C-alpha atoms as a PDB file:
ATOM      1  CA  CYS A   1     -44.011  50.464 -40.777  1.00  0.00           C
ATOM      2  CA  PHE A   2     -46.157  53.459 -41.783  1.00  0.00           C
ATOM      3  CA  ALA A   3     -45.163  57.124 -41.845  1.00  0.00           C
ATOM      4  CA  ASP A   4     -47.024  59.489 -39.535  1.00  0.00           C
ATOM      5  CA  ASP A   5     -48.358  61.334 -42.601  1.00  0.00           C
ATOM      6  CA  VAL A   6     -49.267  58.195 -44.590  1.00  0.00           C
ATOM      7  CA  ILE A   7     -51.727  58.665 -47.450  1.00  0.00           C
ATOM      8  CA  VAL A   8     -54.084  55.932 -48.693  1.00  0.00           C
ATOM      9  CA  ALA A   9     -55.942  56.384 -51.966  1.00  0.00           C
ATOM     10  CA  ASP A  10     -57.772  54.616 -54.740  1.00  0.00           C
ATOM     11  CA  LEU A  11     -55.423  54.362 -57.716  1.00  0.00           C
ATOM     12  CA  ASN A  12     -55.833  57.543 -59.778  1.00  0.00           C
ATOM     13  CA  GLY A  13     -58.667  58.523 -57.456  1.00  0.00           C
ATOM     14  CA  ALA A  14     -59.597  60.094 -54.180  1.00  0.00           C
ATOM     15  CA  VAL A  15     -57.514  60.020 -51.016  1.00  0.00           C
ATOM     16  CA  THR A  16     -59.420  57.845 -48.537  1.00  0.00           C
ATOM     17  CA  ILE A  17     -57.120  58.077 -45.492  1.00  0.00           C
ATOM     18  CA  SER A  18     -54.698  60.783 -44.430  1.00  0.00           C
ATOM     19  CA  GLY A  19     -52.392  60.317 -41.437  1.00  0.00           C
ATOM     20  CA  ILE A  20     -51.465  57.427 -39.174  1.00  0.00           C
ATOM     21  CA  GLU A  21     -54.300  57.994 -36.671  1.00  0.00           C
ATOM     22  CA  ALA A  22     -56.904  57.837 -39.452  1.00  0.00           C
ATOM     23  CA  TYR A  23     -55.159  54.731 -40.807  1.00  0.00           C
ATOM     24  CA  ARG A  24     -55.317  52.999 -37.418  1.00  0.00           C
ATOM     25  CA  ALA A  25     -58.969  53.977 -36.949  1.00  0.00           C
ATOM     26  CA  LYS A  26     -59.879  52.573 -40.371  1.00  0.00           C
ATOM     27  CA  TYR A  27     -58.339  49.187 -39.670  1.00  0.00           C
ATOM     28  CA  VAL A  28     -59.750  49.015 -36.137  1.00  0.00           C
ATOM     29  CA  GLN A  29     -63.150  49.418 -37.817  1.00  0.00           C
ATOM     30  CA  VAL A  30     -62.387  46.875 -40.566  1.00  0.00           C
ATOM     31  CA  PHE A  31     -61.457  44.220 -38.010  1.00  0.00           C
ATOM     32  CA  ALA A  32     -64.455  45.127 -35.818  1.00  0.00           C
ATOM     33  CA  ASP A  33     -66.757  44.692 -38.834  1.00  0.00           C
ATOM     34  CA  PHE A  34     -64.926  41.603 -40.166  1.00  0.00           C
ATOM     35  CA  PRO A  35     -63.101  39.878 -37.270  1.00  0.00           C
ATOM     36  CA  GLN A  36     -62.036  37.004 -39.535  1.00  0.00           C
ATOM     37  CA  ASN A  37     -60.610  39.360 -42.169  1.00  0.00           C
ATOM     38  CA  LYS A  38     -57.498  37.986 -43.839  1.00  0.00           C
ATOM     39  CA  ALA A  39     -55.403  38.693 -46.885  1.00  0.00           C
ATOM     40  CA  LYS A  40     -53.236  36.149 -48.656  1.00  0.00           C
ATOM     41  CA  LEU A  41     -50.285  37.480 -50.624  1.00  0.00           C
ATOM     42  CA  LEU A  42     -50.403  36.041 -54.152  1.00  0.00           C
ATOM     43  CA  HIS A  43     -47.567  37.988 -55.784  1.00  0.00           C
ATOM     44  CA  ARG A  44     -45.098  40.730 -54.863  1.00  0.00           C
ATOM     45  CA  ILE A  45     -43.088  43.021 -57.122  1.00  0.00           C
ATOM     46  CA  VAL A  46     -40.366  45.260 -55.692  1.00  0.00           C
ATOM     47  CA  LEU A  47     -38.995  48.058 -57.884  1.00  0.00           C
ATOM     48  CA  GLY A  48     -36.792  50.468 -55.964  1.00  0.00           C
ATOM     49  CA  SER A  49     -38.964  52.271 -53.425  1.00  0.00           C
ATOM     50  CA  THR A  50     -42.219  50.817 -54.777  1.00  0.00           C
ATOM     51  CA  VAL A  51     -43.737  47.519 -53.666  1.00  0.00           C
ATOM     52  CA  ILE A  52     -46.790  46.069 -55.402  1.00  0.00           C
ATOM     53  CA  ASP A  53     -48.727  43.309 -53.640  1.00  0.00           C
ATOM     54  CA  HIS A  54     -51.459  41.256 -55.304  1.00  0.00           C
ATOM     55  CA  GLU A  55     -53.686  39.919 -52.520  1.00  0.00           C
ATOM     56  CA  HIS A  56     -56.680  37.631 -52.142  1.00  0.00           C
ATOM     57  CA  VAL A  57     -58.890  39.065 -49.376  1.00  0.00           C
ATOM     58  CA  GLU A  58     -61.557  37.175 -47.447  1.00  0.00           C
ATOM     59  CA  ARG A  59     -63.694  39.103 -44.983  1.00  0.00           C
ATOM     60  CA  GLY A  60     -64.951  35.888 -43.355  1.00  0.00           C
ATOM     61  CA  PRO A  61     -67.347  32.997 -44.055  1.00  0.00           C
ATOM     62  CA  GLU A  62     -70.258  35.326 -44.804  1.00  0.00           C
ATOM     63  CA  GLY A  63     -68.266  38.338 -45.960  1.00  0.00           C
ATOM     64  CA  PRO A  64     -67.122  39.355 -49.413  1.00  0.00           C
ATOM     65  CA  VAL A  65     -64.126  37.810 -51.163  1.00  0.00           C
ATOM     66  CA  PHE A  66     -62.095  39.896 -53.601  1.00  0.00           C
ATOM     67  CA  GLN A  67     -58.654  40.557 -55.013  1.00  0.00           C
ATOM     68  CA  VAL A  68     -56.745  43.784 -54.593  1.00  0.00           C
ATOM     69  CA  ALA A  69     -53.462  45.300 -55.690  1.00  0.00           C
ATOM     70  CA  ALA A  70     -51.788  47.435 -53.048  1.00  0.00           C
ATOM     71  CA  ILE A  71     -49.085  49.761 -54.353  1.00  0.00           C
ATOM     72  CA  TYR A  72     -46.816  50.916 -51.535  1.00  0.00           C
ATOM     73  CA  THR A  73     -44.485  53.898 -51.868  1.00  0.00           C
ATOM     74  CA  ILE A  74     -41.593  53.807 -49.390  1.00  0.00           C
ATOM     75  CA  ALA A  75     -39.908  56.998 -48.178  1.00  0.00           C
ATOM     76  CA  GLY A  76     -37.518  57.348 -45.276  1.00  0.00           C
ATOM     77  CA  GLY A  77     -37.758  53.628 -44.577  1.00  0.00           C
ATOM     78  CA  LYS A  78     -41.534  53.743 -44.000  1.00  0.00           C
ATOM     79  CA  ILE A  79     -44.675  53.337 -46.065  1.00  0.00           C
ATOM     80  CA  ALA A  80     -45.588  56.875 -47.123  1.00  0.00           C
ATOM     81  CA  ARG A  81     -48.441  56.077 -49.497  1.00  0.00           C
ATOM     82  CA  VAL A  82     -50.695  53.173 -50.429  1.00  0.00           C
ATOM     83  CA  ASP A  83     -52.744  53.129 -53.630  1.00  0.00           C
ATOM     84  CA  PHE A  84     -55.365  50.385 -53.950  1.00  0.00           C
ATOM     85  CA  VAL A  85     -56.817  48.812 -57.070  1.00  0.00           C
ATOM     86  CA  LYS A  86     -59.885  46.571 -56.656  1.00  0.00           C
END
């Protein structure tokens, strides 16, 4: 689903991940650190090539719980960019 040159960033902030290999490595680490990690989709807005998901994230029984907005930019049928708001 993700472009080879996917970019992940904090909204209006720094790029935190650049490229699909870095993206995979990040989420391998997230699930190694929080094996019970899960996100529940609360709301979704689709406007053209932009998708905004409001999610409730639980890292596990002892991990943090938080909400996040993920703003996906679609290009060429794949996710080209993700901007997160926490």
